[in-house]
C-alpha atoms as a PDB file:
ATOM      1  CA  MET A   1      -0.008   0.053   0.016  1.00  0.00           C
ATOM      2  CA  LYS A   2       1.059   3.526  -0.773  1.00  0.00           C
ATOM      3  CA  ILE A   3       0.261   6.192   1.688  1.00  0.00           C
ATOM      4  CA  LEU A   4       0.594  10.044   1.225  1.00  0.00           C
ATOM      5  CA  ALA A   5       0.331  11.735   4.571  1.00  0.00           C
ATOM      6  CA  PHE A   6       0.922  15.301   5.609  1.00  0.00           C
ATOM      7  CA  ASP A   7       0.595  17.603   8.639  1.00  0.00           C
ATOM      8  CA  THR A   8       0.267  21.389   8.666  1.00  0.00           C
ATOM      9  CA  LEU A   9      -0.039  22.002  12.427  1.00  0.00           C
ATOM     10  CA  MET A  10       2.389  22.596  15.357  1.00  0.00           C
ATOM     11  CA  ASN A  11       4.514  25.256  13.570  1.00  0.00           C
ATOM     12  CA  ALA A  12       5.626  22.912  10.734  1.00  0.00           C
ATOM     13  CA  CYS A  13       4.680  21.578   7.371  1.00  0.00           C
ATOM     14  CA  SER A  14       5.515  17.813   6.860  1.00  0.00           C
ATOM     15  CA  VAL A  15       4.982  15.345   4.009  1.00  0.00           C
ATOM     16  CA  ALA A  16       5.635  11.687   3.599  1.00  0.00           C
ATOM     17  CA  CYS A  17       5.338   8.940   0.972  1.00  0.00           C
ATOM     18  CA  PHE A  18       5.336   5.498   2.427  1.00  0.00           C
ATOM     19  CA  ASP A  19       5.237   2.201   0.468  1.00  0.00           C
ATOM     20  CA  SER A  20       4.406  -0.585   2.855  1.00  0.00           C
ATOM     21  CA  VAL A  21       5.373  -3.236   0.445  1.00  0.00           C
ATOM     22  CA  SER A  22       8.988  -2.000  -0.354  1.00  0.00           C
ATOM     23  CA  ASP A  23       9.189  -0.246   3.019  1.00  0.00           C
ATOM     24  CA  SER A  24      10.450   2.898   1.186  1.00  0.00           C
ATOM     25  CA  LEU A  25       9.852   6.128   2.889  1.00  0.00           C
ATOM     26  CA  PHE A  26      10.430   9.669   1.613  1.00  0.00           C
ATOM     27  CA  THR A  27       9.722  12.813   3.836  1.00  0.00           C
ATOM     28  CA  LYS A  28      10.230  16.378   3.921  1.00  0.00           C
ATOM     29  CA  THR A  29       9.549  18.796   6.849  1.00  0.00           C
ATOM     30  CA  ILE A  30       9.823  22.583   6.967  1.00  0.00           C
ATOM     31  CA  LYS A  31       9.338  24.524  10.355  1.00  0.00           C
ATOM     32  CA  ILE A  32       7.169  27.348   9.511  1.00  0.00           C
ATOM     33  CA  GLU A  33       4.509  29.314  11.538  1.00  0.00           C
ATOM     34  CA  ARG A  34       2.628  30.727   8.490  1.00  0.00           C
ATOM     35  CA  GLY A  35       2.452  30.323   4.750  1.00  0.00           C
ATOM     36  CA  HIS A  36       1.416  26.519   4.867  1.00  0.00           C
ATOM     37  CA  ALA A  37      -0.930  27.175   1.788  1.00  0.00           C
ATOM     38  CA  GLU A  38       1.860  28.381  -0.324  1.00  0.00           C
ATOM     39  CA  ILE A  39       4.334  25.459   0.389  1.00  0.00           C
ATOM     40  CA  LEU A  40       2.248  22.412   1.004  1.00  0.00           C
ATOM     41  CA  VAL A  41       1.344  21.430  -2.613  1.00  0.00           C
ATOM     42  CA  PRO A  42       5.029  22.013  -3.789  1.00  0.00           C
ATOM     43  CA  MET A  43       6.250  19.954  -1.017  1.00  0.00           C
ATOM     44  CA  ILE A  44       3.789  17.086  -1.962  1.00  0.00           C
ATOM     45  CA  GLU A  45       4.985  17.195  -5.646  1.00  0.00           C
ATOM     46  CA  ASP A  46       8.593  17.244  -4.382  1.00  0.00           C
ATOM     47  CA  VAL A  47       8.390  14.189  -2.180  1.00  0.00           C
ATOM     48  CA  MET A  48       6.210  12.320  -4.699  1.00  0.00           C
ATOM     49  CA  ALA A  49       9.029  13.086  -7.275  1.00  0.00           C
ATOM     50  CA  GLN A  50      11.511  11.639  -5.036  1.00  0.00           C
ATOM     51  CA  SER A  51       9.430   8.490  -4.417  1.00  0.00           C
ATOM     52  CA  LYS A  52       8.683   8.309  -8.319  1.00  0.00           C
ATOM     53  CA  TRP A  53       5.083   7.874  -7.581  1.00  0.00           C
ATOM     54  CA  THR A  54       2.189   9.225  -9.885  1.00  0.00           C
ATOM     55  CA  TYR A  55      -0.948  10.445  -8.266  1.00  0.00           C
ATOM     56  CA  GLN A  56      -2.698   7.286  -9.257  1.00  0.00           C
ATOM     57  CA  ASP A  57      -0.260   5.231  -7.382  1.00  0.00           C
ATOM     58  CA  ILE A  58      -1.635   6.688  -4.041  1.00  0.00           C
ATOM     59  CA  ASP A  59      -3.857   4.159  -2.326  1.00  0.00           C
ATOM     60  CA  LEU A  60      -4.570   6.236   0.996  1.00  0.00           C
ATOM     61  CA  ILE A  61      -4.296   9.872   2.070  1.00  0.00           C
ATOM     62  CA  GLY A  62      -3.562  10.708   5.765  1.00  0.00           C
ATOM     63  CA  VAL A  63      -3.828  14.001   7.428  1.00  0.00           C
ATOM     64  CA  THR A  64      -4.044  15.404  11.101  1.00  0.00           C
ATOM     65  CA  ARG A  65      -7.346  16.854  11.971  1.00  0.00           C
ATOM     66  CA  GLY A  66      -6.745  18.880  15.022  1.00  0.00           C
ATOM     67  CA  PRO A  67      -6.685  20.411  17.429  1.00  0.00           C
ATOM     68  CA  GLY A  68      -4.257  23.095  16.401  1.00  0.00           C
ATOM     69  CA  ALA A  69      -4.124  26.366  14.562  1.00  0.00           C
ATOM     70  CA  PHE A  70      -7.310  27.035  12.650  1.00  0.00           C
ATOM     71  CA  THR A  71      -5.517  28.207   9.481  1.00  0.00           C
ATOM     72  CA  GLY A  72      -3.085  25.274   9.366  1.00  0.00           C
ATOM     73  CA  LEU A  73      -5.906  22.888  10.183  1.00  0.00           C
ATOM     74  CA  ARG A  74      -8.230  24.152   7.322  1.00  0.00           C
ATOM     75  CA  ILE A  75      -5.299  24.006   4.789  1.00  0.00           C
ATOM     76  CA  GLY A  76      -4.313  20.482   5.643  1.00  0.00           C
ATOM     77  CA  LEU A  77      -7.920  19.075   5.573  1.00  0.00           C
ATOM     78  CA  SER A  78      -9.123  20.997   2.553  1.00  0.00           C
ATOM     79  CA  THR A  79      -5.903  19.780   0.552  1.00  0.00           C
ATOM     80  CA  ALA A  80      -6.473  16.194   1.705  1.00  0.00           C
ATOM     81  CA  ARG A  81     -10.172  16.339   0.757  1.00  0.00           C
ATOM     82  CA  ALA A  82      -9.274  17.833  -2.652  1.00  0.00           C
ATOM     83  CA  TYR A  83      -6.792  15.175  -3.376  1.00  0.00           C
ATOM     84  CA  GLY A  84      -9.260  12.487  -2.255  1.00  0.00           C
ATOM     85  CA  LEU A  85     -12.129  13.737  -4.511  1.00  0.00           C
ATOM     86  CA  SER A  86     -10.038  14.450  -7.508  1.00  0.00           C
ATOM     87  CA  LEU A  87      -8.141  11.213  -7.382  1.00  0.00           C
ATOM     88  CA  ASP A  88     -11.026   9.136  -5.956  1.00  0.00           C
ATOM     89  CA  LYS A  89      -8.868   7.958  -3.093  1.00  0.00           C
ATOM     90  CA  PRO A  90      -9.796   7.304   0.624  1.00  0.00           C
ATOM     91  CA  VAL A  91      -8.867   9.920   3.104  1.00  0.00           C
ATOM     92  CA  MET A  92      -8.094   9.196   6.696  1.00  0.00           C
ATOM     93  CA  GLY A  93      -7.874  11.743   9.533  1.00  0.00           C
ATOM     94  CA  VAL A  94      -6.275  11.299  13.046  1.00  0.00           C
ATOM     95  CA  SER A  95      -6.210  13.590  15.941  1.00  0.00           C
ATOM     96  CA  THR A  96      -3.145  15.704  16.689  1.00  0.00           C
ATOM     97  CA  PHE A  97      -3.211  14.060  20.186  1.00  0.00           C
ATOM     98  CA  ASP A  98      -3.196  10.523  18.912  1.00  0.00           C
ATOM     99  CA  ALA A  99      -0.415  11.336  16.478  1.00  0.00           C
ATOM    100  CA  MET A 100       1.712  12.861  19.128  1.00  0.00           C
ATOM    101  CA  TYR A 101       1.123  10.094  21.485  1.00  0.00           C
ATOM    102  CA  GLN A 102       1.856   7.381  19.045  1.00  0.00           C
ATOM    103  CA  ASN A 103       5.021   9.251  18.090  1.00  0.00           C
ATOM    104  CA  TYR A 104       5.940   9.088  21.820  1.00  0.00           C
ATOM    105  CA  ALA A 105       5.034   5.517  22.210  1.00  0.00           C
ATOM    106  CA  GLN A 106       7.277   4.585  19.256  1.00  0.00           C
ATOM    107  CA  LYS A 107      10.399   5.767  20.839  1.00  0.00           C
ATOM    108  CA  ASN A 108       9.719   5.216  24.585  1.00  0.00           C
ATOM    109  CA  LYS A 109       8.225   2.517  26.806  1.00  0.00           C
ATOM    110  CA  ILE A 110       4.934   3.625  28.244  1.00  0.00           C
ATOM    111  CA  GLU A 111       5.379   3.504  31.910  1.00  0.00           C
ATOM    112  CA  LEU A 112       3.620   6.652  32.993  1.00  0.00           C
ATOM    113  CA  GLN A 113       0.451   8.506  31.934  1.00  0.00           C
ATOM    114  CA  VAL A 114       1.303  10.902  29.044  1.00  0.00           C
ATOM    115  CA  CYS A 115      -0.028  14.439  29.131  1.00  0.00           C
ATOM    116  CA  ILE A 116      -0.032  16.347  25.789  1.00  0.00           C
ATOM    117  CA  LEU A 117       0.058  20.104  25.709  1.00  0.00           C
ATOM    118  CA  LEU A 118      -0.611  21.875  22.528  1.00  0.00           C
ATOM    119  CA  GLU A 119      -0.444  25.576  21.870  1.00  0.00           C
ATOM    120  CA  THR A 120      -3.521  27.624  21.607  1.00  0.00           C
ATOM    121  CA  LYS A 121      -1.880  31.000  21.257  1.00  0.00           C
ATOM    122  CA  ARG A 122      -3.782  32.090  24.157  1.00  0.00           C
ATOM    123  CA  ASP A 123      -3.553  31.929  27.952  1.00  0.00           C
ATOM    124  CA  ASP A 124      -4.916  28.294  28.028  1.00  0.00           C
ATOM    125  CA  TYR A 125      -3.770  25.015  26.434  1.00  0.00           C
ATOM    126  CA  TYR A 126      -5.246  22.230  24.321  1.00  0.00           C
ATOM    127  CA  MET A 127      -4.623  19.146  26.648  1.00  0.00           C
ATOM    128  CA  ALA A 128      -5.199  15.479  26.576  1.00  0.00           C
ATOM    129  CA  LEU A 129      -4.127  12.844  29.222  1.00  0.00           C
ATOM    130  CA  TYR A 130      -3.532   9.241  28.203  1.00  0.00           C
ATOM    131  CA  SER A 131      -3.526   6.452  30.713  1.00  0.00           C
ATOM    132  CA  LYS A 132      -0.850   3.686  30.814  1.00  0.00           C
ATOM    133  CA  GLU A 133      -3.303   1.653  28.748  1.00  0.00           C
ATOM    134  CA  SER A 134      -3.182   4.261  25.983  1.00  0.00           C
ATOM    135  CA  GLU A 135      -6.838   5.378  26.670  1.00  0.00           C
ATOM    136  CA  VAL A 136      -7.762   9.093  26.665  1.00  0.00           C
ATOM    137  CA  VAL A 137      -8.744  10.073  30.248  1.00  0.00           C
ATOM    138  CA  MET A 138      -9.194  13.849  29.667  1.00  0.00           C
ATOM    139  CA  MET A 139      -9.252  16.058  26.656  1.00  0.00           C
ATOM    140  CA  GLY A 140     -10.253  19.626  25.989  1.00  0.00           C
ATOM    141  CA  VAL A 141      -9.166  23.283  26.628  1.00  0.00           C
ATOM    142  CA  TYR A 142      -7.745  23.913  29.953  1.00  0.00           C
ATOM    143  CA  THR A 143      -6.112  26.748  31.921  1.00  0.00           C
ATOM    144  CA  GLY A 144      -2.659  26.359  33.315  1.00  0.00           C
ATOM    145  CA  GLU A 145      -3.908  26.320  36.746  1.00  0.00           C
ATOM    146  CA  SER A 146      -6.218  23.352  36.046  1.00  0.00           C
ATOM    147  CA  ILE A 147      -3.406  21.450  34.404  1.00  0.00           C
ATOM    148  CA  LEU A 148      -1.226  22.203  37.285  1.00  0.00           C
ATOM    149  CA  ASN A 149      -3.820  20.697  39.717  1.00  0.00           C
ATOM    150  CA  MET A 150      -4.293  17.616  37.438  1.00  0.00           C
ATOM    151  CA  ILE A 151      -0.495  17.112  37.566  1.00  0.00           C
ATOM    152  CA  ALA A 152      -0.499  17.345  41.427  1.00  0.00           C
ATOM    153  CA  GLU A 153      -3.249  14.834  41.591  1.00  0.00           C
ATOM    154  CA  ASN A 154      -2.016  12.250  39.135  1.00  0.00           C
ATOM    155  CA  GLU A 155       1.742  12.773  40.015  1.00  0.00           C
ATOM    156  CA  SER A 156       3.262  10.061  37.800  1.00  0.00           C
ATOM    157  CA  LEU A 157       3.126  11.321  34.221  1.00  0.00           C
ATOM    158  CA  VAL A 158       5.174  12.714  31.310  1.00  0.00           C
ATOM    159  CA  VAL A 159       4.396  15.945  29.661  1.00  0.00           C
ATOM    160  CA  ILE A 160       5.034  16.428  25.800  1.00  0.00           C
ATOM    161  CA  GLY A 161       3.946  18.784  23.224  1.00  0.00           C
ATOM    162  CA  ASN A 162       4.606  22.088  21.635  1.00  0.00           C
ATOM    163  CA  ALA A 163       3.392  24.047  24.666  1.00  0.00           C
ATOM    164  CA  VAL A 164       5.521  22.471  27.269  1.00  0.00           C
ATOM    165  CA  GLU A 165       8.231  25.373  27.122  1.00  0.00           C
ATOM    166  CA  ARG A 166       5.576  28.104  27.967  1.00  0.00           C
ATOM    167  CA  PHE A 167       3.844  25.779  30.548  1.00  0.00           C
ATOM    168  CA  ARG A 168       7.109  25.078  32.347  1.00  0.00           C
ATOM    169  CA  SER A 169       8.195  28.660  32.250  1.00  0.00           C
ATOM    170  CA  GLU A 170       4.890  29.887  33.662  1.00  0.00           C
ATOM    171  CA  TYR A 171       4.637  27.350  36.411  1.00  0.00           C
ATOM    172  CA  LYS A 172       8.008  25.963  37.076  1.00  0.00           C
ATOM    173  CA  LYS A 173       8.147  27.136  40.736  1.00  0.00           C
ATOM    174  CA  ASP A 174       4.776  25.446  41.320  1.00  0.00           C
ATOM    175  CA  LEU A 175       5.576  22.059  39.796  1.00  0.00           C
ATOM    176  CA  SER A 176       6.184  19.057  41.976  1.00  0.00           C
ATOM    177  CA  GLY A 177       5.748  15.344  42.072  1.00  0.00           C
ATOM    178  CA  ALA A 178       6.897  12.504  40.046  1.00  0.00           C
ATOM    179  CA  TYR A 179       6.339  14.278  36.647  1.00  0.00           C
ATOM    180  CA  GLN A 180       8.679  14.506  33.528  1.00  0.00           C
ATOM    181  CA  ILE A 181       8.708  17.090  30.734  1.00  0.00           C
ATOM    182  CA  SER A 182      10.128  15.886  27.481  1.00  0.00           C
ATOM    183  CA  ASP A 183      11.635  18.569  25.318  1.00  0.00           C
ATOM    184  CA  SER A 184      12.096  16.155  22.375  1.00  0.00           C
ATOM    185  CA  ASN A 185       8.547  15.524  21.563  1.00  0.00           C
ATOM    186  CA  GLN A 186       7.265  19.049  20.517  1.00  0.00           C
ATOM    187  CA  MET A 187       6.180  18.348  17.009  1.00  0.00           C
ATOM    188  CA  ILE A 188       4.923  15.310  14.978  1.00  0.00           C
ATOM    189  CA  ASP A 189       7.489  12.899  13.440  1.00  0.00           C
ATOM    190  CA  ILE A 190       6.163  12.538   9.993  1.00  0.00           C
ATOM    191  CA  SER A 191       8.074   9.304   9.566  1.00  0.00           C
ATOM    192  CA  ASP A 192       6.238   7.686  12.635  1.00  0.00           C
ATOM    193  CA  PHE A 193       3.032   9.555  11.525  1.00  0.00           C
ATOM    194  CA  VAL A 194       2.689   7.786   8.165  1.00  0.00           C
ATOM    195  CA  ARG A 195       3.528   4.361   9.640  1.00  0.00           C
ATOM    196  CA  TYR A 196       0.773   5.036  12.370  1.00  0.00           C
ATOM    197  CA  PHE A 197      -1.713   5.673   9.457  1.00  0.00           C
ATOM    198  CA  MET A 198      -0.654   2.248   8.051  1.00  0.00           C
ATOM    199  CA  SER A 199      -1.248   0.497  11.305  1.00  0.00           C
ATOM    200  CA  GLU A 200      -4.722   2.205  11.760  1.00  0.00           C
ATOM    201  CA  TYR A 201      -5.687   1.211   8.278  1.00  0.00           C
ATOM    202  CA  GLU A 202      -4.730  -2.454   9.018  1.00  0.00           C
ATOM    203  CA  MET A 203      -6.662  -2.468  12.201  1.00  0.00           C
ATOM    204  CA  GLY A 204      -9.771  -1.505  10.243  1.00  0.00           C
ATOM    205  CA  GLN A 205      -9.929   2.233  11.129  1.00  0.00           C
ATOM    206  CA  GLU A 206     -12.815   3.885   9.407  1.00  0.00           C
ATOM    207  CA  LEU A 207     -11.965   5.841   6.109  1.00  0.00           C
ATOM    208  CA  ASN A 208     -13.052   9.100   5.010  1.00  0.00           C
ATOM    209  CA  THR A 209     -12.788  10.464   8.509  1.00  0.00           C
ATOM    210  CA  ALA A 210     -10.977  13.789   7.803  1.00  0.00           C
ATOM    211  CA  LEU A 211     -13.306  15.873   9.844  1.00  0.00           C
ATOM    212  CA  PRO A 212     -11.901  18.862  11.927  1.00  0.00           C
ATOM    213  CA  LEU A 213     -11.524  18.224  15.639  1.00  0.00           C
ATOM    214  CA  TYR A 214     -12.428  21.644  17.163  1.00  0.00           C
ATOM    215  CA  LEU A 215     -12.127  22.024  20.922  1.00  0.00           C
ATOM    216  CA  ARG A 216     -13.360  25.626  20.826  1.00  0.00           C
ATOM    217  CA  ASP A 217     -15.211  27.795  18.443  1.00  0.00           C
ATOM    218  CA  ALA A 218     -13.373  29.758  15.819  1.00  0.00           C
ATOM    219  CA  ASP A 219     -12.649  33.364  16.679  1.00  0.00           C
ATOM    220  CA  VAL A 220     -14.908  35.896  14.882  1.00  0.00           C
ATOM    221  CA  SER A 221     -13.855  39.563  14.814  1.00  0.00           C
ATOM    222  CA  PHE A 222     -16.042  42.391  13.822  1.00  0.00           C
ATOM    223  CA  PRO A 223     -14.867  45.772  12.359  1.00  0.00           C
ATOM    224  CA  LYS A 224     -14.411  48.481  14.947  1.00  0.00           C
ATOM    225  CA  LYS A 225     -15.429  51.298  12.670  1.00  0.00           C
ATOM    226  CA  LYS A 226     -19.069  51.800  12.107  1.00  0.00           C
ATOM    227  CA  SER A 227     -20.287  51.097   8.668  1.00  0.00           C
ATOM    228  CA  ARG A 228     -20.848  54.148   6.565  1.00  0.00           C
ATOM    229  CA  LYS A 229     -24.086  54.844   4.911  1.00  0.00           C
ATOM    230  CA  LEU A 230     -24.227  55.992   1.215  1.00  0.00           C
ATOM    231  CA  LYS A 231     -26.505  58.929   0.545  1.00  0.00           C
ATOM    232  CA  ALA A 232     -29.065  58.574  -2.077  1.00  0.00           C
ATOM    233  CA  LEU A 233     -28.616  61.036  -5.052  1.00  0.00           C
END
């Protein structure tokens, strides 16, 4: 099976082409906070050229479906759906939390609960807590104080994600207990990510699930200036 997977969240744009038969893998990642719309499709074309695939070779398209930055999320999902419709290929979406958790699990023995903190660009955090049995215990948008209380109550856990630096800098003096903070798991590893899609497909994960996972409503801003009325002649 040939899988095209990409991620446009967490201050990066990543693309992978994975052939499960030959076990060949081609990837590209660019760290970027803005401008995903301009570089995603050229990156896909570049990685596909490296893999020597045609678009009809693709069997499955995988993409992250949030939570994360609204702009990056919309770009990733709309691109995946566009490819799926135009090529008549199935599209599979997984949550950013699951992708991050599986990345961590691929490289580490799960002995503690895993708390994933993702950036909201606000005072709060996207947070998910996984048990040692890989089950989601909590998920949502939480204040730093509530996360601090959760850590104090659970004690034995590891904290990962792209918001760990902000959380640690804000609450370092208040942190205590048997927790660990990992600085090496702040973004999705696209190599592990595409293999995770393969395992989900083999386990019968439902296809065509590229629906956004929003944990809060989108921001809506209104113009500060009053609208001008045109005078009739």
